[in-house]
Structures are given as structure tokens and as C-alpha cells.
């Protein structure tokens, strides 16, 4: 069975370019983003790591820890970070896990249990290791998305998803399509009108099952 939303992530001990970590201890009481890659020194992945590095202050503002994962070793990661710095014009200070044994890729259901790294492998051998996982402070998976190798990830969308998840968890609301911080949110169907008024004040009824309101200040 693969990892699904609201499952607790596996508490793996993993090697990174910044030392060994336990995933549960590393998440701690924070939100976390884990994003994975099929190989170091690949063009799309290099631009993605650069994008994450440039967003360092944005992650910090939201209390989010970031962990890269790549199916190569620590020494390669350290050399790759030099390229990432050049391509991204920012220092990649976050750790990169070395998933040479595919333990993370298999535990997070990105590769089948029988997968292995063949001699002379190419990124195509681990092409499905192109996922993003957003983890809550309860160490449970809140959101995941997987990309093909030819499509770079949109980290502005990943930040937006973090904002939406944090707003939802904190305020007991949902967010509509294309929601951005400051937009109206959705009152859950299970909340009755009088309860909604007591909690949120005024709201707009679009449909009997769709009510919108401002987030509490």
C-alpha cells in the first residue's frame, strides 16, 4: 500500500549532505516540504533546486522545512550544489537526502518494491521520483503531486498550497479554486449557519452547500 493523504510518513533514517537525520525528528513541530529527483546534474532538476533556494525566506516565514531527495550519493550532492548556486543565483542551504538504496523512493511509493539502480543508469530508470510531499506538524502527509521529467515544478503553487493548508488547519475552513491569501474561504458544510455566524460573522451563501466568508483576523 502506498502513502496516502493523512497517512503518517515513514520514520526513515536517511543520509544527507548535512548528516544523518530521522524524518520524524527532522519534521519536529514544523511544516515540511520534501521534493524528490531521479538524478543529480540534470537540467530541469537543477533549475528546481535553484527555485527552492531563492525562496528561502518564504519557507522561513511559513515555518516550513525543506528537504531535497535525489537518487545519488552525498559527494555528488555537494558538487551539484555548486551548479545549483550558479543556475539559481542563490545558496541552497537545505539538506539533500542521498537515496542511493531507494529506501525513500520506495517508502513514499515513487518506485515499486522491486526497483533497483542498474549499471550505467540514466534518469529514465527512476523517472517517477519527481514528487512533492507537503507534511504537517503531525508528521502526516497533507498533499502530494508528481511531475514528469520534462515539466519543471511551479514552486509558487507549492507555496500557495502550503498557505491554503495552513489556513485550513488553523481556521477549520476550505479554500476555493485559485485561492490566494486574502481571498474569501469556504465554510465547511458540516458547520451550521448559526455556528458559522458565531465563528466568522457575515458570510455569503452562493449555493445551499457553498458559503464564503473572510478569514478571521
N, C-alpha and C. Protein backbone atom coordinates (compact mmCIF):
# COMPACT_ATOMS: atom_id res chain seq x y z
N UNK A 1 0.85 -1.20 0.00
CA UNK A 1 0.00 0.00 0.00
C UNK A 1 0.88 1.24 0.00
N UNK A 2 0.60 2.19 -0.88
CA UNK A 2 1.39 3.40 -0.97
C UNK A 2 1.00 4.42 0.09
N UNK A 3 1.74 5.50 0.13
CA UNK A 3 1.49 6.57 1.08
C UNK A 3 0.34 7.43 0.56
N UNK A 4 -0.66 7.63 1.41
CA UNK A 4 -1.84 8.39 1.02
C UNK A 4 -2.01 9.60 1.93
N UNK A 5 -2.83 10.55 1.49
CA UNK A 5 -3.09 11.73 2.31
C UNK A 5 -3.64 11.32 3.67
N UNK A 6 -3.10 11.95 4.71
CA UNK A 6 -3.40 11.72 6.13
C UNK A 6 -2.70 10.47 6.69
N UNK A 7 -1.88 9.79 5.87
CA UNK A 7 -1.01 8.74 6.41
C UNK A 7 0.18 9.40 7.10
N UNK A 8 0.66 8.77 8.16
CA UNK A 8 1.89 9.22 8.80
C UNK A 8 3.07 8.81 7.92
N UNK A 9 3.97 9.74 7.68
CA UNK A 9 5.12 9.41 6.83
C UNK A 9 6.02 8.42 7.55
N UNK A 10 6.74 7.58 6.81
CA UNK A 10 7.66 6.63 7.45
C UNK A 10 8.79 7.35 8.17
N UNK A 11 9.18 6.84 9.31
CA UNK A 11 10.24 7.47 10.11
C UNK A 11 11.59 6.88 9.71
N UNK A 12 12.02 7.20 8.50
CA UNK A 12 13.27 6.67 7.99
C UNK A 12 14.46 7.46 8.55
N UNK A 13 15.58 6.75 8.70
CA UNK A 13 16.86 7.42 8.94
C UNK A 13 17.57 7.53 7.60
N UNK A 14 17.89 8.75 7.21
CA UNK A 14 18.45 8.97 5.88
C UNK A 14 19.72 9.78 5.95
N UNK A 15 20.62 9.47 5.03
CA UNK A 15 21.86 10.24 4.90
C UNK A 15 21.60 11.46 4.03
N UNK A 16 22.11 12.60 4.45
CA UNK A 16 22.03 13.82 3.66
C UNK A 16 23.41 14.45 3.57
N UNK A 17 23.52 15.47 2.77
CA UNK A 17 24.80 16.18 2.68
C UNK A 17 25.09 16.99 3.94
N UNK A 18 24.12 17.03 4.87
CA UNK A 18 24.32 17.73 6.14
C UNK A 18 24.27 16.77 7.32
N UNK A 19 24.47 15.47 7.05
CA UNK A 19 24.48 14.47 8.11
C UNK A 19 23.24 13.58 8.08
N UNK A 20 23.19 12.63 9.02
CA UNK A 20 22.08 11.69 9.11
C UNK A 20 20.92 12.31 9.87
N UNK A 21 19.71 12.12 9.35
CA UNK A 21 18.51 12.62 10.03
C UNK A 21 17.48 11.51 10.13
N UNK A 22 16.62 11.62 11.15
CA UNK A 22 15.39 10.83 11.25
C UNK A 22 14.27 11.73 10.76
N UNK A 23 13.45 11.25 9.83
CA UNK A 23 12.44 12.11 9.23
C UNK A 23 11.48 12.70 10.26
N UNK A 24 11.05 11.89 11.23
CA UNK A 24 10.11 12.42 12.23
C UNK A 24 10.77 13.49 13.09
N UNK A 25 12.01 13.25 13.51
CA UNK A 25 12.71 14.26 14.30
C UNK A 25 12.98 15.51 13.47
N UNK A 26 13.30 15.30 12.21
CA UNK A 26 13.59 16.45 11.35
C UNK A 26 12.35 17.32 11.16
N UNK A 27 11.19 16.71 10.94
CA UNK A 27 9.96 17.50 10.81
C UNK A 27 9.68 18.23 12.12
N UNK A 28 9.81 17.52 13.25
CA UNK A 28 9.57 18.14 14.55
C UNK A 28 8.17 18.70 14.64
N UNK A 29 8.06 19.99 15.03
CA UNK A 29 6.76 20.65 15.15
C UNK A 29 6.49 21.57 13.97
N UNK A 30 7.21 21.38 12.88
CA UNK A 30 7.12 22.28 11.73
C UNK A 30 6.29 21.67 10.60
N UNK A 31 5.98 22.49 9.64
CA UNK A 31 5.54 22.00 8.34
C UNK A 31 6.78 21.65 7.55
N UNK A 32 6.65 20.78 6.57
CA UNK A 32 7.81 20.36 5.79
C UNK A 32 7.41 20.10 4.35
N UNK A 33 8.35 20.36 3.46
CA UNK A 33 8.21 20.03 2.05
C UNK A 33 9.36 19.12 1.67
N UNK A 34 9.04 17.94 1.15
CA UNK A 34 10.03 17.01 0.63
C UNK A 34 9.82 16.94 -0.88
N UNK A 35 10.87 17.21 -1.64
CA UNK A 35 10.73 17.15 -3.10
C UNK A 35 11.85 16.29 -3.67
N UNK A 36 11.50 15.40 -4.59
CA UNK A 36 12.41 14.33 -4.99
C UNK A 36 12.81 14.43 -6.45
N UNK A 37 13.96 13.80 -6.76
CA UNK A 37 14.58 13.91 -8.08
C UNK A 37 15.22 12.59 -8.47
N UNK A 38 15.19 12.25 -9.77
CA UNK A 38 15.71 10.97 -10.22
C UNK A 38 17.23 10.91 -10.36
N UNK A 39 17.92 12.09 -10.39
CA UNK A 39 19.36 12.06 -10.58
C UNK A 39 19.94 13.46 -10.41
N UNK A 40 21.16 13.54 -9.88
CA UNK A 40 21.87 14.82 -9.82
C UNK A 40 22.33 15.23 -11.22
N UNK A 41 22.68 16.50 -11.34
CA UNK A 41 23.25 17.04 -12.58
C UNK A 41 22.31 16.85 -13.78
N UNK A 42 21.02 17.04 -13.55
CA UNK A 42 20.04 17.01 -14.64
C UNK A 42 19.45 18.41 -14.79
N UNK A 43 19.10 18.81 -16.01
CA UNK A 43 18.79 20.23 -16.24
C UNK A 43 17.54 20.75 -15.53
N UNK A 44 16.41 20.05 -15.67
CA UNK A 44 15.18 20.54 -15.05
C UNK A 44 15.31 20.55 -13.53
N UNK A 45 15.87 19.49 -12.98
CA UNK A 45 16.01 19.39 -11.53
C UNK A 45 16.92 20.48 -10.98
N UNK A 46 17.96 20.83 -11.73
CA UNK A 46 18.87 21.89 -11.28
C UNK A 46 18.14 23.22 -11.17
N UNK A 47 17.27 23.52 -12.15
CA UNK A 47 16.51 24.77 -12.06
C UNK A 47 15.52 24.73 -10.90
N UNK A 48 14.99 23.55 -10.58
CA UNK A 48 14.04 23.44 -9.46
C UNK A 48 14.73 23.68 -8.13
N UNK A 49 15.91 23.09 -7.95
CA UNK A 49 16.65 23.32 -6.71
C UNK A 49 17.00 24.80 -6.58
N UNK A 50 17.34 25.43 -7.69
CA UNK A 50 17.61 26.86 -7.63
C UNK A 50 16.40 27.66 -7.21
N UNK A 51 15.22 27.27 -7.72
CA UNK A 51 13.99 27.97 -7.34
C UNK A 51 13.71 27.83 -5.85
N UNK A 52 13.93 26.64 -5.32
CA UNK A 52 13.71 26.41 -3.88
C UNK A 52 14.69 27.25 -3.06
N UNK A 53 15.93 27.33 -3.51
CA UNK A 53 16.93 28.13 -2.80
C UNK A 53 16.54 29.61 -2.77
N UNK A 54 16.04 30.12 -3.87
CA UNK A 54 15.64 31.53 -3.93
C UNK A 54 14.47 31.84 -3.01
N UNK A 55 13.69 30.83 -2.67
CA UNK A 55 12.50 31.02 -1.81
C UNK A 55 12.81 30.80 -0.33
N UNK A 56 14.06 30.83 0.03
CA UNK A 56 14.46 30.53 1.42
C UNK A 56 13.67 31.34 2.44
N UNK A 57 13.54 32.64 2.23
CA UNK A 57 12.83 33.48 3.20
C UNK A 57 11.34 33.17 3.23
N UNK A 58 10.78 32.78 2.09
CA UNK A 58 9.35 32.42 2.05
C UNK A 58 9.08 31.16 2.86
N UNK A 59 9.95 30.16 2.75
CA UNK A 59 9.79 28.95 3.57
C UNK A 59 9.86 29.31 5.05
N UNK A 60 10.84 30.15 5.40
CA UNK A 60 11.03 30.51 6.82
C UNK A 60 9.82 31.26 7.36
N UNK A 61 9.24 32.17 6.57
CA UNK A 61 8.07 32.93 7.02
C UNK A 61 6.91 32.01 7.37
N UNK A 62 6.82 30.89 6.70
CA UNK A 62 5.72 29.95 6.91
C UNK A 62 6.07 28.83 7.88
N UNK A 63 7.28 28.85 8.42
CA UNK A 63 7.70 27.80 9.33
C UNK A 63 7.84 26.46 8.64
N UNK A 64 8.33 26.47 7.40
CA UNK A 64 8.43 25.26 6.59
C UNK A 64 9.89 24.83 6.45
N UNK A 65 10.17 23.57 6.75
CA UNK A 65 11.47 22.98 6.48
C UNK A 65 11.44 22.33 5.10
N UNK A 66 12.57 22.35 4.42
CA UNK A 66 12.64 21.80 3.06
C UNK A 66 13.72 20.73 3.00
N UNK A 67 13.38 19.62 2.38
CA UNK A 67 14.33 18.52 2.17
C UNK A 67 14.28 18.09 0.72
N UNK A 68 15.41 18.20 0.02
CA UNK A 68 15.52 17.63 -1.31
C UNK A 68 15.88 16.16 -1.20
N UNK A 69 15.47 15.39 -2.17
CA UNK A 69 15.84 13.96 -2.25
C UNK A 69 16.33 13.71 -3.67
N UNK A 70 17.45 13.02 -3.81
CA UNK A 70 17.91 12.64 -5.14
C UNK A 70 18.57 11.27 -5.07
N UNK A 71 18.42 10.51 -6.15
CA UNK A 71 18.88 9.13 -6.19
C UNK A 71 20.36 9.09 -6.59
N UNK A 72 21.17 9.77 -5.78
CA UNK A 72 22.63 9.78 -5.93
C UNK A 72 23.23 9.96 -4.54
N UNK A 73 24.56 9.96 -4.46
CA UNK A 73 25.23 9.99 -3.17
C UNK A 73 25.55 11.38 -2.67
N UNK A 74 26.02 11.44 -1.43
CA UNK A 74 26.31 12.71 -0.76
C UNK A 74 27.37 13.50 -1.51
N UNK A 75 28.44 12.84 -1.96
CA UNK A 75 29.50 13.56 -2.66
C UNK A 75 28.97 14.22 -3.93
N UNK A 76 28.12 13.52 -4.66
CA UNK A 76 27.51 14.12 -5.83
C UNK A 76 26.65 15.32 -5.45
N UNK A 77 25.90 15.19 -4.35
CA UNK A 77 25.05 16.29 -3.90
C UNK A 77 25.88 17.54 -3.62
N UNK A 78 27.00 17.36 -2.94
CA UNK A 78 27.83 18.51 -2.59
C UNK A 78 28.36 19.19 -3.84
N UNK A 79 28.77 18.42 -4.83
CA UNK A 79 29.25 19.01 -6.08
C UNK A 79 28.10 19.66 -6.86
N UNK A 80 26.93 18.98 -6.84
CA UNK A 80 25.78 19.51 -7.55
C UNK A 80 25.34 20.86 -6.99
N UNK A 81 25.47 21.03 -5.67
CA UNK A 81 25.05 22.29 -5.06
C UNK A 81 25.80 23.49 -5.63
N UNK A 82 27.02 23.27 -6.08
CA UNK A 82 27.77 24.36 -6.72
C UNK A 82 27.09 24.77 -8.02
N UNK A 83 26.63 23.78 -8.80
CA UNK A 83 25.91 24.08 -10.04
C UNK A 83 24.57 24.75 -9.74
N UNK A 84 23.89 24.26 -8.70
CA UNK A 84 22.58 24.83 -8.32
C UNK A 84 22.74 26.30 -7.97
N UNK A 85 23.80 26.63 -7.24
CA UNK A 85 24.05 28.02 -6.86
C UNK A 85 24.25 28.89 -8.09
N UNK A 86 24.98 28.38 -9.08
CA UNK A 86 25.20 29.14 -10.32
C UNK A 86 23.90 29.31 -11.09
N UNK A 87 23.17 28.22 -11.27
CA UNK A 87 21.94 28.26 -12.08
C UNK A 87 20.83 29.05 -11.40
N UNK A 88 20.76 28.97 -10.07
CA UNK A 88 19.66 29.59 -9.34
C UNK A 88 19.98 30.93 -8.74
N UNK A 89 21.24 31.34 -8.78
CA UNK A 89 21.67 32.62 -8.19
C UNK A 89 21.28 32.72 -6.72
N UNK A 90 21.37 31.59 -6.03
CA UNK A 90 21.06 31.55 -4.60
C UNK A 90 21.75 30.34 -3.98
N UNK A 91 22.08 30.46 -2.71
CA UNK A 91 22.75 29.37 -1.99
C UNK A 91 21.73 28.33 -1.54
N UNK A 92 21.87 27.08 -1.97
CA UNK A 92 20.96 26.02 -1.49
C UNK A 92 21.39 25.53 -0.11
N UNK A 93 20.80 26.09 0.93
CA UNK A 93 21.22 25.76 2.30
C UNK A 93 20.48 24.57 2.89
N UNK A 94 19.43 24.10 2.24
CA UNK A 94 18.65 22.98 2.75
C UNK A 94 19.38 21.66 2.47
N UNK A 95 19.10 20.61 3.24
CA UNK A 95 19.76 19.32 3.02
C UNK A 95 19.18 18.58 1.81
N UNK A 96 20.02 17.73 1.22
CA UNK A 96 19.59 16.83 0.15
C UNK A 96 19.85 15.41 0.61
N UNK A 97 18.81 14.60 0.68
CA UNK A 97 18.95 13.20 1.08
C UNK A 97 19.55 12.38 -0.06
N UNK A 98 20.43 11.45 0.30
CA UNK A 98 21.08 10.57 -0.67
C UNK A 98 20.31 9.25 -0.69
N UNK A 99 19.48 9.07 -1.70
CA UNK A 99 18.60 7.89 -1.75
C UNK A 99 19.15 6.83 -2.70
N UNK A 100 20.43 6.50 -2.55
CA UNK A 100 21.04 5.51 -3.42
C UNK A 100 20.44 4.12 -3.27
N UNK A 101 19.96 3.81 -2.04
CA UNK A 101 19.35 2.49 -1.84
C UNK A 101 17.85 2.50 -2.14
N UNK A 102 17.33 3.63 -2.58
CA UNK A 102 15.92 3.79 -2.98
C UNK A 102 14.95 3.62 -1.81
N UNK A 103 15.45 3.69 -0.58
CA UNK A 103 14.57 3.48 0.58
C UNK A 103 13.47 4.54 0.64
N UNK A 104 13.82 5.79 0.40
CA UNK A 104 12.82 6.86 0.44
C UNK A 104 11.86 6.72 -0.75
N UNK A 105 12.42 6.50 -1.92
CA UNK A 105 11.60 6.39 -3.13
C UNK A 105 10.57 5.28 -3.02
N UNK A 106 10.95 4.17 -2.40
CA UNK A 106 10.01 3.05 -2.25
C UNK A 106 9.03 3.30 -1.11
N UNK A 107 9.52 3.82 0.01
CA UNK A 107 8.63 4.05 1.16
C UNK A 107 7.57 5.10 0.85
N UNK A 108 7.91 6.06 -0.02
CA UNK A 108 6.95 7.10 -0.40
C UNK A 108 6.20 6.74 -1.69
N UNK A 109 6.32 5.48 -2.11
CA UNK A 109 5.54 4.94 -3.22
C UNK A 109 5.85 5.62 -4.55
N UNK A 110 7.10 6.05 -4.73
CA UNK A 110 7.50 6.62 -6.01
C UNK A 110 8.08 5.55 -6.94
N UNK A 111 8.56 4.45 -6.36
CA UNK A 111 9.09 3.33 -7.12
C UNK A 111 8.54 2.03 -6.54
N UNK A 112 8.40 0.99 -7.36
CA UNK A 112 7.94 -0.30 -6.84
C UNK A 112 9.00 -0.95 -5.97
N UNK A 113 8.58 -1.89 -5.13
CA UNK A 113 9.49 -2.53 -4.18
C UNK A 113 10.64 -3.25 -4.87
N UNK A 114 10.42 -3.72 -6.09
CA UNK A 114 11.46 -4.49 -6.79
C UNK A 114 12.43 -3.60 -7.58
N UNK A 115 12.26 -2.29 -7.53
CA UNK A 115 13.11 -1.39 -8.31
C UNK A 115 14.56 -1.46 -7.83
N UNK A 116 15.49 -1.25 -8.75
CA UNK A 116 16.91 -1.21 -8.42
C UNK A 116 17.60 -0.26 -9.40
N UNK A 117 18.84 0.11 -9.07
CA UNK A 117 19.60 1.01 -9.93
C UNK A 117 20.52 0.19 -10.82
N UNK A 118 20.27 0.13 -12.11
CA UNK A 118 21.13 -0.66 -13.00
C UNK A 118 22.45 0.05 -13.26
N UNK A 119 23.45 -0.70 -13.67
CA UNK A 119 24.72 -0.10 -14.07
C UNK A 119 24.49 0.83 -15.26
N UNK A 120 25.19 1.96 -15.23
CA UNK A 120 25.06 2.90 -16.34
C UNK A 120 23.69 3.50 -16.45
N UNK A 121 23.01 3.62 -15.34
CA UNK A 121 21.63 4.09 -15.37
C UNK A 121 21.53 5.52 -15.89
N UNK A 122 20.34 5.88 -16.34
CA UNK A 122 20.01 7.24 -16.74
C UNK A 122 18.83 7.72 -15.89
N UNK A 123 18.50 9.00 -15.93
CA UNK A 123 17.33 9.47 -15.17
C UNK A 123 16.05 8.72 -15.51
N UNK A 124 15.96 8.17 -16.72
CA UNK A 124 14.75 7.44 -17.10
C UNK A 124 14.49 6.22 -16.22
N UNK A 125 15.56 5.66 -15.63
CA UNK A 125 15.38 4.48 -14.78
C UNK A 125 14.65 4.81 -13.48
N UNK A 126 14.68 6.07 -13.08
CA UNK A 126 13.98 6.49 -11.85
C UNK A 126 13.11 7.71 -12.14
N UNK A 127 12.50 7.71 -13.32
CA UNK A 127 11.76 8.89 -13.79
C UNK A 127 10.60 9.28 -12.89
N UNK A 128 10.04 8.32 -12.17
CA UNK A 128 8.87 8.62 -11.33
C UNK A 128 9.26 9.25 -10.00
N UNK A 129 10.55 9.39 -9.74
CA UNK A 129 10.99 10.05 -8.50
C UNK A 129 10.99 11.56 -8.75
N UNK A 130 9.80 12.10 -8.97
CA UNK A 130 9.61 13.51 -9.32
C UNK A 130 8.38 14.03 -8.58
N UNK A 131 8.37 13.86 -7.26
CA UNK A 131 7.18 14.19 -6.47
C UNK A 131 7.47 15.27 -5.44
N UNK A 132 6.39 15.91 -5.00
CA UNK A 132 6.43 16.87 -3.90
C UNK A 132 5.48 16.36 -2.83
N UNK A 133 5.95 16.38 -1.59
CA UNK A 133 5.13 15.97 -0.45
C UNK A 133 5.11 17.12 0.56
N UNK A 134 3.92 17.56 0.93
CA UNK A 134 3.78 18.55 2.00
C UNK A 134 3.34 17.81 3.25
N UNK A 135 4.12 17.98 4.31
CA UNK A 135 3.92 17.25 5.57
C UNK A 135 3.51 18.23 6.66
N UNK A 136 2.53 17.86 7.47
CA UNK A 136 2.10 18.70 8.57
C UNK A 136 2.92 18.46 9.82
N UNK A 137 2.75 19.32 10.84
CA UNK A 137 3.47 19.13 12.11
C UNK A 137 3.11 17.83 12.83
N UNK A 138 2.00 17.22 12.42
CA UNK A 138 1.62 15.91 12.96
C UNK A 138 2.32 14.77 12.23
N UNK A 139 3.23 15.14 11.30
CA UNK A 139 4.02 14.18 10.51
C UNK A 139 3.14 13.37 9.55
N UNK A 140 2.01 13.92 9.21
CA UNK A 140 1.12 13.26 8.26
C UNK A 140 1.17 13.95 6.90
N UNK A 141 1.02 13.16 5.85
CA UNK A 141 1.01 13.70 4.50
C UNK A 141 -0.25 14.51 4.27
N UNK A 142 -0.08 15.77 3.88
CA UNK A 142 -1.22 16.65 3.63
C UNK A 142 -1.52 16.83 2.15
N UNK A 143 -0.48 16.72 1.30
CA UNK A 143 -0.67 16.94 -0.13
C UNK A 143 0.52 16.33 -0.85
N UNK A 144 0.26 15.77 -2.03
CA UNK A 144 1.36 15.28 -2.87
C UNK A 144 1.04 15.54 -4.32
N UNK A 145 2.05 15.74 -5.12
CA UNK A 145 1.90 15.92 -6.56
C UNK A 145 3.14 15.39 -7.26
N UNK A 146 2.94 14.81 -8.44
CA UNK A 146 4.03 14.19 -9.18
C UNK A 146 4.10 14.79 -10.58
N UNK A 147 5.32 15.05 -11.01
CA UNK A 147 5.56 15.71 -12.30
C UNK A 147 6.39 14.80 -13.20
N UNK A 148 6.20 14.92 -14.52
CA UNK A 148 7.10 14.22 -15.45
C UNK A 148 8.45 14.94 -15.51
N UNK A 149 9.44 14.28 -16.08
CA UNK A 149 10.79 14.86 -16.11
C UNK A 149 10.88 16.11 -16.99
N UNK A 150 9.97 16.27 -17.93
CA UNK A 150 10.07 17.39 -18.86
C UNK A 150 9.37 18.66 -18.38
N UNK A 151 8.69 18.60 -17.25
CA UNK A 151 7.91 19.74 -16.77
C UNK A 151 8.45 20.19 -15.41
N UNK A 152 9.02 21.39 -15.36
CA UNK A 152 9.53 21.91 -14.10
C UNK A 152 8.40 22.24 -13.14
N UNK A 153 8.67 22.03 -11.88
CA UNK A 153 7.66 22.29 -10.86
C UNK A 153 7.45 23.79 -10.64
N UNK A 154 6.23 24.16 -10.31
CA UNK A 154 5.88 25.55 -10.03
C UNK A 154 5.88 25.73 -8.51
N UNK A 155 6.97 26.28 -7.98
CA UNK A 155 7.08 26.38 -6.53
C UNK A 155 6.24 27.52 -5.97
N UNK A 156 5.79 28.44 -6.81
CA UNK A 156 4.80 29.42 -6.36
C UNK A 156 3.50 28.71 -6.01
N UNK A 157 3.13 27.70 -6.80
CA UNK A 157 1.93 26.92 -6.50
C UNK A 157 2.12 26.10 -5.22
N UNK A 158 3.33 25.59 -5.02
CA UNK A 158 3.58 24.81 -3.80
C UNK A 158 3.50 25.71 -2.57
N UNK A 159 4.02 26.94 -2.67
CA UNK A 159 3.85 27.90 -1.57
C UNK A 159 2.37 28.20 -1.34
N UNK A 160 1.63 28.39 -2.43
CA UNK A 160 0.19 28.67 -2.31
C UNK A 160 -0.53 27.51 -1.63
N UNK A 161 -0.13 26.29 -1.98
CA UNK A 161 -0.75 25.12 -1.36
C UNK A 161 -0.44 25.07 0.14
N UNK A 162 0.80 25.42 0.51
CA UNK A 162 1.15 25.49 1.94
C UNK A 162 0.27 26.53 2.64
N UNK A 163 0.12 27.70 2.03
CA UNK A 163 -0.72 28.75 2.62
C UNK A 163 -2.15 28.25 2.81
N UNK A 164 -2.68 27.56 1.80
CA UNK A 164 -4.05 27.06 1.88
C UNK A 164 -4.19 26.00 2.96
N UNK A 165 -3.23 25.10 3.04
CA UNK A 165 -3.27 24.06 4.08
C UNK A 165 -3.18 24.67 5.47
N UNK A 166 -2.29 25.62 5.65
CA UNK A 166 -2.14 26.24 6.96
C UNK A 166 -3.39 27.02 7.35
N UNK A 167 -4.00 27.72 6.39
CA UNK A 167 -5.24 28.44 6.68
C UNK A 167 -6.37 27.48 7.03
N UNK A 168 -6.42 26.36 6.31
CA UNK A 168 -7.47 25.36 6.55
C UNK A 168 -7.34 24.75 7.93
N UNK A 169 -6.12 24.33 8.27
CA UNK A 169 -5.90 23.68 9.57
C UNK A 169 -6.14 24.65 10.72
N UNK A 170 -5.67 25.87 10.58
CA UNK A 170 -5.78 26.85 11.67
C UNK A 170 -7.21 27.31 11.90
N UNK A 171 -7.99 27.46 10.82
CA UNK A 171 -9.29 28.11 10.92
C UNK A 171 -10.48 27.19 10.68
N UNK A 172 -10.23 25.91 10.33
CA UNK A 172 -11.33 25.00 10.09
C UNK A 172 -12.16 25.38 8.88
N UNK A 173 -11.48 25.76 7.79
CA UNK A 173 -12.16 26.17 6.57
C UNK A 173 -11.60 25.37 5.39
N UNK A 174 -12.19 25.59 4.22
CA UNK A 174 -11.65 25.08 2.97
C UNK A 174 -11.34 26.27 2.07
N UNK A 175 -10.60 26.03 1.00
CA UNK A 175 -10.28 27.12 0.08
C UNK A 175 -10.79 26.78 -1.31
N UNK A 176 -11.33 27.77 -2.03
CA UNK A 176 -11.87 27.52 -3.38
C UNK A 176 -10.76 27.43 -4.42
N UNK A 177 -11.15 27.14 -5.63
CA UNK A 177 -10.20 27.09 -6.74
C UNK A 177 -9.48 28.43 -6.87
N UNK A 178 -8.18 28.35 -7.15
CA UNK A 178 -7.35 29.54 -7.41
C UNK A 178 -7.22 30.46 -6.20
N UNK A 179 -7.51 29.95 -5.02
CA UNK A 179 -7.44 30.77 -3.80
C UNK A 179 -6.03 31.32 -3.59
N UNK A 180 -5.99 32.57 -3.15
CA UNK A 180 -4.75 33.21 -2.73
C UNK A 180 -4.97 33.82 -1.35
N UNK A 181 -3.91 33.95 -0.54
CA UNK A 181 -4.07 34.58 0.78
C UNK A 181 -4.77 35.94 0.66
N UNK A 182 -5.78 36.14 1.50
CA UNK A 182 -6.58 37.35 1.45
C UNK A 182 -7.93 37.15 0.77
N UNK A 183 -8.04 36.09 -0.05
CA UNK A 183 -9.32 35.79 -0.69
C UNK A 183 -10.29 35.17 0.31
N UNK A 184 -11.57 35.17 -0.07
CA UNK A 184 -12.58 34.51 0.76
C UNK A 184 -12.31 33.00 0.82
N UNK A 185 -12.76 32.41 1.90
CA UNK A 185 -12.63 30.96 2.09
C UNK A 185 -14.03 30.34 2.15
N UNK A 186 -14.07 29.02 2.17
CA UNK A 186 -15.33 28.28 2.18
C UNK A 186 -15.61 27.73 3.57
N UNK A 187 -16.83 27.90 4.01
CA UNK A 187 -17.26 27.34 5.28
C UNK A 187 -17.67 25.88 5.06
N UNK A 188 -17.14 24.95 5.82
CA UNK A 188 -17.48 23.54 5.61
C UNK A 188 -18.98 23.29 5.75
N UNK A 189 -19.48 22.34 4.99
CA UNK A 189 -20.90 22.01 5.00
C UNK A 189 -21.36 21.58 6.40
N UNK A 190 -20.49 20.93 7.15
CA UNK A 190 -20.86 20.43 8.48
C UNK A 190 -21.12 21.55 9.48
N UNK A 191 -20.68 22.76 9.19
CA UNK A 191 -20.89 23.90 10.10
C UNK A 191 -22.22 24.55 9.77
N UNK A 192 -23.12 24.59 10.74
CA UNK A 192 -24.45 25.16 10.52
C UNK A 192 -24.36 26.69 10.45
N UNK A 193 -25.42 27.30 9.89
CA UNK A 193 -25.40 28.75 9.67
C UNK A 193 -25.17 29.53 10.96
N UNK A 194 -25.87 29.16 12.04
CA UNK A 194 -25.69 29.91 13.28
C UNK A 194 -24.28 29.74 13.85
N UNK A 195 -23.71 28.55 13.70
CA UNK A 195 -22.34 28.32 14.13
C UNK A 195 -21.36 29.13 13.27
N UNK A 196 -21.67 29.21 11.98
CA UNK A 196 -20.81 29.97 11.07
C UNK A 196 -20.83 31.46 11.42
N UNK A 197 -22.00 32.00 11.75
CA UNK A 197 -22.09 33.41 12.12
C UNK A 197 -21.33 33.68 13.41
N UNK A 198 -21.43 32.75 14.35
CA UNK A 198 -20.73 32.94 15.62
C UNK A 198 -19.22 32.90 15.43
N UNK A 199 -18.76 32.08 14.50
CA UNK A 199 -17.32 31.92 14.31
C UNK A 199 -16.74 32.93 13.33
N UNK A 200 -17.47 33.19 12.23
CA UNK A 200 -16.91 34.01 11.16
C UNK A 200 -17.60 35.36 10.98
N UNK A 201 -18.76 35.56 11.58
CA UNK A 201 -19.51 36.77 11.32
C UNK A 201 -20.32 36.62 10.05
N UNK A 202 -20.32 37.63 9.21
CA UNK A 202 -21.10 37.59 7.98
C UNK A 202 -20.50 36.63 6.97
N UNK A 203 -21.37 36.02 6.17
CA UNK A 203 -20.91 35.16 5.08
C UNK A 203 -21.88 35.27 3.92
N UNK A 204 -21.44 34.83 2.75
CA UNK A 204 -22.25 34.87 1.53
C UNK A 204 -22.64 33.45 1.15
N UNK A 205 -23.94 33.25 0.95
CA UNK A 205 -24.43 31.94 0.51
C UNK A 205 -24.55 31.95 -1.01
N UNK A 206 -23.66 31.25 -1.68
CA UNK A 206 -23.68 31.14 -3.14
C UNK A 206 -24.65 30.05 -3.58
N UNK A 207 -24.59 28.92 -2.89
CA UNK A 207 -25.46 27.77 -3.05
C UNK A 207 -25.72 27.22 -1.66
N UNK A 208 -26.75 26.42 -1.48
CA UNK A 208 -27.01 25.90 -0.13
C UNK A 208 -25.80 25.21 0.50
N UNK A 209 -24.94 24.64 -0.33
CA UNK A 209 -23.77 23.93 0.18
C UNK A 209 -22.47 24.70 -0.04
N UNK A 210 -22.55 25.95 -0.53
CA UNK A 210 -21.37 26.75 -0.81
C UNK A 210 -21.52 28.13 -0.18
N UNK A 211 -20.83 28.32 0.94
CA UNK A 211 -20.86 29.59 1.66
C UNK A 211 -19.44 30.13 1.77
N UNK A 212 -19.30 31.41 1.48
CA UNK A 212 -17.97 32.02 1.51
C UNK A 212 -17.90 33.11 2.58
N UNK A 213 -16.70 33.27 3.16
CA UNK A 213 -16.51 34.26 4.19
C UNK A 213 -15.05 34.70 4.21
N UNK A 214 -14.78 35.76 4.94
CA UNK A 214 -13.41 36.20 5.16
C UNK A 214 -12.79 35.36 6.28
N UNK A 215 -11.48 35.15 6.20
CA UNK A 215 -10.80 34.50 7.32
C UNK A 215 -10.84 35.41 8.53
N UNK A 216 -10.98 34.84 9.72
CA UNK A 216 -10.89 35.69 10.93
C UNK A 216 -9.56 36.43 10.97
N UNK A 217 -9.59 37.63 11.49
CA UNK A 217 -8.35 38.43 11.58
C UNK A 217 -7.35 37.74 12.49
